[in-house]
N, C-alpha and C. Protein backbone atom coordinates (compact mmCIF):
# COMPACT_ATOMS: atom_id res chain seq x y z
N MET A 1 8.02 -74.57 -50.48
CA MET A 1 6.63 -74.27 -50.78
C MET A 1 6.51 -73.25 -51.91
N ARG A 2 7.45 -72.31 -52.00
CA ARG A 2 7.39 -71.25 -53.00
C ARG A 2 7.42 -71.82 -54.41
N ARG A 3 8.10 -72.91 -54.63
CA ARG A 3 8.22 -73.48 -55.96
C ARG A 3 6.96 -74.23 -56.40
N LEU A 4 6.03 -74.47 -55.48
CA LEU A 4 4.82 -75.20 -55.81
C LEU A 4 3.66 -74.30 -56.23
N VAL A 5 3.73 -73.02 -55.90
CA VAL A 5 2.66 -72.08 -56.25
C VAL A 5 2.99 -71.40 -57.58
N PRO A 6 1.99 -70.87 -58.26
CA PRO A 6 2.23 -70.23 -59.55
C PRO A 6 3.15 -69.01 -59.46
N GLY A 7 3.85 -68.74 -60.55
CA GLY A 7 4.67 -67.54 -60.64
C GLY A 7 3.80 -66.31 -60.82
N GLU A 8 4.45 -65.17 -60.93
CA GLU A 8 3.70 -63.92 -61.00
C GLU A 8 3.05 -63.70 -62.36
N PRO A 9 1.83 -63.14 -62.36
CA PRO A 9 1.19 -62.75 -63.62
C PRO A 9 2.02 -61.67 -64.32
N ARG A 10 1.86 -61.58 -65.62
CA ARG A 10 2.65 -60.65 -66.42
C ARG A 10 1.80 -59.50 -66.95
N ARG A 11 2.46 -58.47 -67.39
CA ARG A 11 1.87 -57.33 -68.09
C ARG A 11 0.66 -56.73 -67.38
N LEU A 12 0.83 -56.39 -66.13
CA LEU A 12 -0.24 -55.76 -65.36
C LEU A 12 -0.49 -54.36 -65.92
N ARG A 13 -1.75 -54.08 -66.27
CA ARG A 13 -2.14 -52.77 -66.80
C ARG A 13 -3.30 -52.24 -65.98
N LEU A 14 -3.28 -50.93 -65.76
CA LEU A 14 -4.33 -50.27 -64.98
C LEU A 14 -4.89 -49.11 -65.80
N GLU A 15 -6.20 -48.94 -65.70
CA GLU A 15 -6.85 -47.81 -66.38
C GLU A 15 -7.94 -47.26 -65.47
N ALA A 16 -7.83 -45.99 -65.13
CA ALA A 16 -8.89 -45.34 -64.34
C ALA A 16 -10.10 -45.18 -65.24
N ILE A 17 -11.20 -45.84 -64.89
CA ILE A 17 -12.42 -45.78 -65.68
C ILE A 17 -13.18 -44.50 -65.38
N ASN A 18 -13.33 -44.19 -64.10
CA ASN A 18 -14.00 -42.97 -63.66
C ASN A 18 -13.46 -42.63 -62.28
N SER A 19 -14.17 -41.81 -61.53
CA SER A 19 -13.65 -41.36 -60.24
C SER A 19 -13.63 -42.44 -59.16
N THR A 20 -14.35 -43.54 -59.37
CA THR A 20 -14.43 -44.57 -58.33
C THR A 20 -14.08 -45.97 -58.82
N SER A 21 -13.61 -46.11 -60.07
CA SER A 21 -13.37 -47.44 -60.63
C SER A 21 -12.06 -47.49 -61.42
N VAL A 22 -11.41 -48.64 -61.34
CA VAL A 22 -10.18 -48.90 -62.10
C VAL A 22 -10.31 -50.26 -62.77
N LEU A 23 -9.94 -50.32 -64.03
CA LEU A 23 -9.89 -51.60 -64.75
C LEU A 23 -8.48 -52.15 -64.60
N VAL A 24 -8.39 -53.37 -64.09
CA VAL A 24 -7.11 -54.06 -63.89
C VAL A 24 -7.04 -55.20 -64.90
N ALA A 25 -5.98 -55.25 -65.70
CA ALA A 25 -5.83 -56.32 -66.69
C ALA A 25 -4.44 -56.92 -66.56
N TRP A 26 -4.31 -58.20 -66.87
CA TRP A 26 -3.03 -58.91 -66.75
C TRP A 26 -3.01 -60.08 -67.70
N ARG A 27 -1.87 -60.70 -67.79
CA ARG A 27 -1.70 -61.95 -68.53
C ARG A 27 -1.26 -63.02 -67.52
N PRO A 28 -1.57 -64.29 -67.80
CA PRO A 28 -1.19 -65.34 -66.85
C PRO A 28 0.33 -65.47 -66.75
N PRO A 29 0.80 -66.15 -65.72
CA PRO A 29 2.25 -66.39 -65.61
C PRO A 29 2.76 -67.12 -66.85
N ALA A 30 4.03 -66.95 -67.11
CA ALA A 30 4.65 -67.67 -68.22
C ALA A 30 4.43 -69.17 -68.03
N GLU A 31 4.31 -69.89 -69.13
CA GLU A 31 4.02 -71.33 -69.09
C GLU A 31 4.96 -72.08 -68.14
N ALA A 32 6.23 -71.75 -68.18
CA ALA A 32 7.22 -72.44 -67.34
C ALA A 32 7.04 -72.13 -65.85
N LYS A 33 6.34 -71.06 -65.53
CA LYS A 33 6.17 -70.67 -64.13
C LYS A 33 4.76 -70.92 -63.60
N ARG A 34 3.92 -71.57 -64.37
CA ARG A 34 2.53 -71.79 -63.90
C ARG A 34 2.47 -72.81 -62.77
N ARG A 35 3.32 -73.81 -62.82
CA ARG A 35 3.42 -74.81 -61.74
C ARG A 35 2.07 -75.43 -61.41
N GLY A 36 1.43 -75.98 -62.42
CA GLY A 36 0.14 -76.63 -62.23
C GLY A 36 -0.99 -75.83 -62.85
N VAL A 37 -2.19 -76.23 -62.51
CA VAL A 37 -3.38 -75.60 -63.07
C VAL A 37 -3.71 -74.33 -62.27
N ILE A 38 -3.95 -73.25 -62.99
CA ILE A 38 -4.36 -72.01 -62.33
C ILE A 38 -5.87 -72.06 -62.13
N ARG A 39 -6.29 -71.79 -60.91
CA ARG A 39 -7.72 -71.87 -60.56
C ARG A 39 -8.40 -70.51 -60.48
N GLY A 40 -7.64 -69.44 -60.55
CA GLY A 40 -8.20 -68.09 -60.46
C GLY A 40 -7.09 -67.10 -60.20
N TYR A 41 -7.50 -65.89 -59.86
CA TYR A 41 -6.55 -64.81 -59.59
C TYR A 41 -7.00 -64.01 -58.39
N ARG A 42 -6.05 -63.35 -57.75
CA ARG A 42 -6.33 -62.47 -56.62
C ARG A 42 -5.76 -61.09 -56.92
N VAL A 43 -6.64 -60.09 -56.90
CA VAL A 43 -6.22 -58.70 -57.10
C VAL A 43 -6.12 -58.07 -55.71
N VAL A 44 -4.96 -57.51 -55.40
CA VAL A 44 -4.73 -56.88 -54.10
C VAL A 44 -4.47 -55.40 -54.36
N TYR A 45 -5.18 -54.53 -53.63
CA TYR A 45 -5.01 -53.10 -53.86
C TYR A 45 -5.20 -52.31 -52.58
N ALA A 46 -4.62 -51.13 -52.56
CA ALA A 46 -4.73 -50.24 -51.40
C ALA A 46 -4.36 -48.83 -51.84
N PRO A 47 -4.86 -47.83 -51.12
CA PRO A 47 -4.40 -46.47 -51.40
C PRO A 47 -2.89 -46.39 -51.16
N ALA A 48 -2.20 -45.68 -52.02
CA ALA A 48 -0.76 -45.51 -51.88
C ALA A 48 -0.49 -44.09 -51.41
N THR A 49 0.08 -43.95 -50.24
CA THR A 49 0.33 -42.61 -49.69
C THR A 49 1.50 -41.93 -50.38
N ASP A 50 2.43 -42.70 -50.90
CA ASP A 50 3.53 -42.14 -51.67
C ASP A 50 4.09 -43.23 -52.59
N ARG A 51 5.12 -42.91 -53.33
CA ARG A 51 5.66 -43.85 -54.33
C ARG A 51 6.26 -45.11 -53.71
N SER A 52 6.59 -45.10 -52.42
CA SER A 52 7.23 -46.26 -51.81
C SER A 52 6.28 -47.09 -50.96
N SER A 53 4.98 -46.78 -50.99
CA SER A 53 4.02 -47.51 -50.18
C SER A 53 3.92 -48.97 -50.63
N PRO A 54 4.17 -49.92 -49.74
CA PRO A 54 3.99 -51.32 -50.13
C PRO A 54 2.52 -51.72 -50.05
N VAL A 55 2.11 -52.68 -50.88
CA VAL A 55 0.77 -53.23 -50.75
C VAL A 55 0.82 -54.23 -49.61
N LEU A 56 -0.11 -54.12 -48.68
CA LEU A 56 -0.12 -54.98 -47.51
C LEU A 56 -1.19 -56.05 -47.65
N GLU A 57 -1.08 -57.07 -46.85
CA GLU A 57 -2.11 -58.12 -46.82
C GLU A 57 -3.37 -57.57 -46.18
N ALA A 58 -4.49 -58.12 -46.55
CA ALA A 58 -5.76 -57.68 -45.99
C ALA A 58 -5.82 -57.88 -44.48
N SER A 59 -5.06 -58.84 -43.98
CA SER A 59 -5.08 -59.12 -42.55
C SER A 59 -3.97 -58.39 -41.79
N SER A 60 -3.27 -57.50 -42.46
CA SER A 60 -2.16 -56.80 -41.83
C SER A 60 -2.65 -55.93 -40.69
N SER A 61 -1.90 -55.90 -39.61
CA SER A 61 -2.29 -55.06 -38.47
C SER A 61 -1.51 -53.76 -38.45
N THR A 62 -0.60 -53.57 -39.40
CA THR A 62 0.18 -52.33 -39.45
C THR A 62 -0.13 -51.59 -40.73
N GLY A 63 -0.22 -50.28 -40.65
CA GLY A 63 -0.44 -49.47 -41.84
C GLY A 63 -1.83 -49.63 -42.40
N THR A 64 -1.95 -49.30 -43.68
CA THR A 64 -3.24 -49.39 -44.35
C THR A 64 -3.46 -50.81 -44.85
N ALA A 65 -4.54 -51.41 -44.44
CA ALA A 65 -4.84 -52.77 -44.89
C ALA A 65 -5.25 -52.75 -46.35
N ALA A 66 -4.83 -53.75 -47.08
CA ALA A 66 -5.17 -53.85 -48.49
C ALA A 66 -6.54 -54.51 -48.65
N HIS A 67 -7.12 -54.27 -49.80
CA HIS A 67 -8.38 -54.91 -50.16
C HIS A 67 -8.08 -56.02 -51.14
N VAL A 68 -8.94 -57.02 -51.17
CA VAL A 68 -8.73 -58.18 -52.04
C VAL A 68 -9.98 -58.41 -52.89
N LEU A 69 -9.75 -58.66 -54.17
CA LEU A 69 -10.83 -59.04 -55.08
C LEU A 69 -10.40 -60.36 -55.71
N ASP A 70 -11.16 -61.42 -55.45
CA ASP A 70 -10.85 -62.73 -56.02
C ASP A 70 -11.60 -62.93 -57.33
N VAL A 71 -10.88 -63.39 -58.34
CA VAL A 71 -11.44 -63.69 -59.65
C VAL A 71 -11.42 -65.21 -59.78
N ALA A 72 -12.58 -65.84 -59.73
CA ALA A 72 -12.67 -67.31 -59.67
C ALA A 72 -12.45 -67.98 -61.03
N ASP A 73 -12.65 -67.28 -62.12
CA ASP A 73 -12.51 -67.87 -63.44
C ASP A 73 -11.06 -67.74 -63.92
N PRO A 74 -10.35 -68.85 -64.11
CA PRO A 74 -8.94 -68.77 -64.54
C PRO A 74 -8.77 -68.22 -65.95
N GLY A 75 -9.85 -68.18 -66.73
CA GLY A 75 -9.78 -67.63 -68.08
C GLY A 75 -10.07 -66.14 -68.14
N THR A 76 -10.36 -65.53 -67.01
CA THR A 76 -10.61 -64.09 -66.95
C THR A 76 -9.33 -63.40 -66.53
N TRP A 77 -8.88 -62.47 -67.36
CA TRP A 77 -7.61 -61.78 -67.11
C TRP A 77 -7.80 -60.29 -66.92
N GLN A 78 -8.97 -59.91 -66.43
CA GLN A 78 -9.21 -58.51 -66.09
C GLN A 78 -10.34 -58.44 -65.07
N ALA A 79 -10.36 -57.33 -64.34
CA ALA A 79 -11.41 -57.11 -63.34
C ALA A 79 -11.59 -55.61 -63.15
N ALA A 80 -12.83 -55.19 -62.91
CA ALA A 80 -13.12 -53.80 -62.59
C ALA A 80 -13.22 -53.68 -61.08
N VAL A 81 -12.39 -52.86 -60.51
CA VAL A 81 -12.41 -52.61 -59.07
C VAL A 81 -13.20 -51.33 -58.86
N THR A 82 -14.25 -51.41 -58.04
CA THR A 82 -15.14 -50.27 -57.83
C THR A 82 -15.12 -49.85 -56.36
N GLY A 83 -15.79 -48.75 -56.08
CA GLY A 83 -15.89 -48.27 -54.70
C GLY A 83 -14.65 -47.55 -54.22
N LEU A 84 -13.84 -47.02 -55.15
CA LEU A 84 -12.62 -46.32 -54.78
C LEU A 84 -12.91 -44.84 -54.53
N LEU A 85 -11.94 -44.14 -53.99
CA LEU A 85 -12.07 -42.71 -53.73
C LEU A 85 -11.59 -41.92 -54.94
N ALA A 86 -12.23 -40.79 -55.23
CA ALA A 86 -11.85 -39.95 -56.36
C ALA A 86 -10.50 -39.30 -56.12
N SER A 87 -9.78 -39.07 -57.21
CA SER A 87 -8.48 -38.37 -57.18
C SER A 87 -7.51 -38.96 -56.17
N THR A 88 -7.47 -40.28 -56.08
CA THR A 88 -6.64 -40.97 -55.10
C THR A 88 -5.70 -41.93 -55.82
N MET A 89 -4.43 -41.98 -55.38
CA MET A 89 -3.47 -42.93 -55.93
C MET A 89 -3.67 -44.30 -55.27
N TYR A 90 -3.78 -45.32 -56.09
CA TYR A 90 -3.91 -46.69 -55.60
C TYR A 90 -2.78 -47.54 -56.17
N GLN A 91 -2.40 -48.54 -55.42
CA GLN A 91 -1.39 -49.49 -55.87
C GLN A 91 -2.06 -50.86 -56.00
N PHE A 92 -1.75 -51.56 -57.09
CA PHE A 92 -2.35 -52.86 -57.38
C PHE A 92 -1.28 -53.91 -57.61
N GLN A 93 -1.62 -55.14 -57.24
CA GLN A 93 -0.84 -56.32 -57.58
C GLN A 93 -1.81 -57.45 -57.86
N VAL A 94 -1.39 -58.41 -58.67
CA VAL A 94 -2.22 -59.57 -59.00
C VAL A 94 -1.40 -60.83 -58.75
N ALA A 95 -2.04 -61.86 -58.23
CA ALA A 95 -1.41 -63.16 -58.02
C ALA A 95 -2.31 -64.24 -58.59
N ALA A 96 -1.69 -65.26 -59.16
CA ALA A 96 -2.44 -66.42 -59.63
C ALA A 96 -2.68 -67.36 -58.45
N VAL A 97 -3.80 -68.06 -58.48
CA VAL A 97 -4.13 -69.01 -57.42
C VAL A 97 -4.12 -70.41 -58.02
N GLY A 98 -3.33 -71.30 -57.42
CA GLY A 98 -3.24 -72.68 -57.88
C GLY A 98 -3.71 -73.64 -56.81
N ARG A 99 -3.58 -74.91 -57.08
CA ARG A 99 -4.02 -75.94 -56.12
C ARG A 99 -3.25 -75.86 -54.81
N LYS A 100 -1.99 -75.44 -54.88
CA LYS A 100 -1.15 -75.36 -53.67
C LYS A 100 -1.20 -74.01 -52.97
N GLY A 101 -2.01 -73.09 -53.49
CA GLY A 101 -2.15 -71.80 -52.81
C GLY A 101 -1.99 -70.60 -53.72
N ILE A 102 -1.83 -69.45 -53.09
CA ILE A 102 -1.71 -68.18 -53.80
C ILE A 102 -0.26 -68.01 -54.24
N GLY A 103 -0.08 -67.68 -55.51
CA GLY A 103 1.26 -67.55 -56.07
C GLY A 103 1.92 -66.22 -55.81
N GLU A 104 3.03 -66.02 -56.50
CA GLU A 104 3.79 -64.78 -56.38
C GLU A 104 2.98 -63.62 -56.98
N ARG A 105 3.09 -62.47 -56.37
CA ARG A 105 2.40 -61.29 -56.88
C ARG A 105 3.17 -60.64 -58.01
N SER A 106 2.42 -59.99 -58.87
CA SER A 106 3.04 -59.21 -59.94
C SER A 106 3.76 -58.01 -59.31
N ARG A 107 4.59 -57.36 -60.11
CA ARG A 107 5.20 -56.13 -59.64
C ARG A 107 4.10 -55.10 -59.41
N PRO A 108 4.22 -54.29 -58.38
CA PRO A 108 3.16 -53.31 -58.10
C PRO A 108 3.09 -52.23 -59.17
N ARG A 109 1.87 -51.81 -59.45
CA ARG A 109 1.62 -50.69 -60.37
C ARG A 109 0.70 -49.71 -59.66
N ARG A 110 0.80 -48.44 -60.07
CA ARG A 110 -0.02 -47.40 -59.44
C ARG A 110 -0.85 -46.67 -60.48
N VAL A 111 -1.99 -46.18 -60.03
CA VAL A 111 -2.87 -45.38 -60.88
C VAL A 111 -3.60 -44.39 -59.97
N VAL A 112 -3.95 -43.24 -60.54
CA VAL A 112 -4.74 -42.24 -59.81
C VAL A 112 -6.14 -42.25 -60.40
N THR A 113 -7.14 -42.39 -59.55
CA THR A 113 -8.52 -42.36 -60.03
C THR A 113 -8.84 -40.95 -60.55
N LYS A 114 -9.80 -40.89 -61.43
CA LYS A 114 -10.18 -39.59 -62.00
C LYS A 114 -10.87 -38.75 -60.94
N GLY A 115 -10.87 -37.43 -61.17
CA GLY A 115 -11.58 -36.51 -60.28
C GLY A 115 -13.07 -36.59 -60.54
N GLN A 116 -13.83 -35.93 -59.71
CA GLN A 116 -15.29 -35.95 -59.85
C GLN A 116 -15.79 -34.96 -60.87
N GLY A 117 -14.93 -34.25 -61.50
CA GLY A 117 -15.36 -33.27 -62.50
C GLY A 117 -15.04 -31.87 -62.04
N PRO A 118 -14.94 -30.95 -62.97
CA PRO A 118 -14.54 -29.60 -62.60
C PRO A 118 -15.63 -28.76 -61.96
N TYR A 119 -16.86 -29.23 -62.01
CA TYR A 119 -17.95 -28.40 -61.52
C TYR A 119 -18.71 -29.10 -60.42
N GLU A 120 -18.92 -28.38 -59.36
CA GLU A 120 -19.71 -28.91 -58.26
C GLU A 120 -21.19 -28.65 -58.56
N PRO A 121 -22.06 -29.57 -58.24
CA PRO A 121 -23.48 -29.31 -58.45
C PRO A 121 -23.96 -28.20 -57.51
N TYR A 122 -24.92 -27.46 -57.95
CA TYR A 122 -25.47 -26.41 -57.10
C TYR A 122 -26.96 -26.28 -57.37
N VAL A 123 -27.62 -25.64 -56.43
CA VAL A 123 -29.05 -25.41 -56.56
C VAL A 123 -29.27 -23.90 -56.55
N MET A 124 -30.04 -23.41 -57.52
CA MET A 124 -30.35 -22.00 -57.56
C MET A 124 -31.86 -21.86 -57.34
N LEU A 125 -32.23 -21.09 -56.36
CA LEU A 125 -33.64 -20.87 -56.07
C LEU A 125 -34.06 -19.53 -56.66
N VAL A 126 -35.16 -19.52 -57.33
CA VAL A 126 -35.72 -18.29 -57.89
C VAL A 126 -37.09 -18.10 -57.26
N PHE A 127 -37.28 -16.98 -56.59
CA PHE A 127 -38.56 -16.69 -55.95
C PHE A 127 -39.34 -15.76 -56.88
N LEU A 128 -40.53 -16.15 -57.21
CA LEU A 128 -41.37 -15.34 -58.08
C LEU A 128 -42.34 -14.53 -57.24
N SER A 129 -42.51 -13.31 -57.63
CA SER A 129 -43.42 -12.42 -56.92
C SER A 129 -44.54 -12.02 -57.88
N SER A 130 -45.73 -11.93 -57.39
CA SER A 130 -46.88 -11.59 -58.24
C SER A 130 -46.86 -10.13 -58.68
N CYS A 131 -46.03 -9.30 -58.08
CA CYS A 131 -46.01 -7.90 -58.45
C CYS A 131 -45.11 -7.64 -59.66
N HIS A 132 -44.38 -8.62 -60.12
CA HIS A 132 -43.51 -8.45 -61.29
C HIS A 132 -44.04 -9.31 -62.43
N SER A 133 -44.09 -8.75 -63.60
CA SER A 133 -44.56 -9.54 -64.75
C SER A 133 -43.44 -10.37 -65.35
N ASP A 134 -42.20 -9.91 -65.25
CA ASP A 134 -41.05 -10.65 -65.79
C ASP A 134 -40.01 -10.85 -64.70
N VAL A 135 -39.44 -12.05 -64.65
CA VAL A 135 -38.34 -12.34 -63.73
C VAL A 135 -37.18 -12.86 -64.56
N PHE A 136 -36.03 -12.26 -64.43
CA PHE A 136 -34.84 -12.68 -65.16
C PHE A 136 -33.84 -13.30 -64.18
N PHE A 137 -33.13 -14.30 -64.64
CA PHE A 137 -32.13 -14.96 -63.80
C PHE A 137 -31.01 -15.50 -64.69
N PRO A 138 -29.80 -15.59 -64.15
CA PRO A 138 -28.70 -16.12 -64.95
C PRO A 138 -28.88 -17.62 -65.16
N VAL A 139 -28.51 -18.11 -66.35
CA VAL A 139 -28.60 -19.54 -66.68
C VAL A 139 -27.18 -20.07 -66.83
N TYR A 140 -26.84 -21.06 -66.03
CA TYR A 140 -25.51 -21.65 -66.07
C TYR A 140 -25.60 -23.10 -66.51
N TYR A 141 -24.65 -23.51 -67.33
CA TYR A 141 -24.52 -24.91 -67.74
C TYR A 141 -23.07 -25.30 -67.60
N GLN A 142 -22.80 -26.29 -66.79
CA GLN A 142 -21.45 -26.77 -66.50
C GLN A 142 -20.53 -25.62 -66.09
N GLY A 143 -21.04 -24.76 -65.23
CA GLY A 143 -20.23 -23.69 -64.67
C GLY A 143 -20.05 -22.47 -65.56
N GLN A 144 -20.62 -22.46 -66.75
CA GLN A 144 -20.48 -21.34 -67.67
C GLN A 144 -21.84 -20.65 -67.85
N LEU A 145 -21.78 -19.33 -67.96
CA LEU A 145 -23.00 -18.58 -68.22
C LEU A 145 -23.48 -18.93 -69.61
N GLU A 146 -24.70 -19.43 -69.71
CA GLU A 146 -25.25 -19.95 -70.96
C GLU A 146 -26.19 -18.92 -71.58
N ASN A 147 -25.81 -18.33 -72.68
CA ASN A 147 -26.66 -17.40 -73.43
C ASN A 147 -27.24 -16.27 -72.57
N GLY A 148 -26.46 -15.75 -71.69
CA GLY A 148 -26.89 -14.59 -70.92
C GLY A 148 -27.89 -14.90 -69.84
N TRP A 149 -29.11 -14.38 -69.98
CA TRP A 149 -30.10 -14.49 -68.92
C TRP A 149 -31.31 -15.27 -69.37
N GLY A 150 -31.90 -16.01 -68.44
CA GLY A 150 -33.14 -16.71 -68.72
C GLY A 150 -34.33 -15.86 -68.32
N ARG A 151 -35.49 -16.24 -68.80
CA ARG A 151 -36.69 -15.46 -68.50
C ARG A 151 -37.83 -16.41 -68.13
N VAL A 152 -38.55 -16.07 -67.10
CA VAL A 152 -39.69 -16.87 -66.67
C VAL A 152 -40.95 -16.19 -67.11
């Protein structure tokens, strides 16, 4: 059965787009390993706890279950995976899908999603009192004191 399904896709590339998304790109299996018409691709991914974490099947009952993103267009060789956790290492593999089933997976690759940024949002409340004609408060922009003090 293994010889009837497509071979593994080539040149798997990963790029962290932002804190929750990764762009996955690949090339189709070599012509000699396509074994028929390719009907689409399957992207399999999961958080990787360490460098030796294997990617598991979505139906696996042991360990962390993998997520699957199916790409139905055989001419599409990239996909954006969204809904990921910030600052987290993920492992990805891609398989071609043929008439006889899902082919061999590419070699696993890992990427760390970007962080959410160096500054946490905050709210500053300024209470104005009618007994003061001027109220001064610090003005911050992206965590830095901006031009000293503001005035209301």
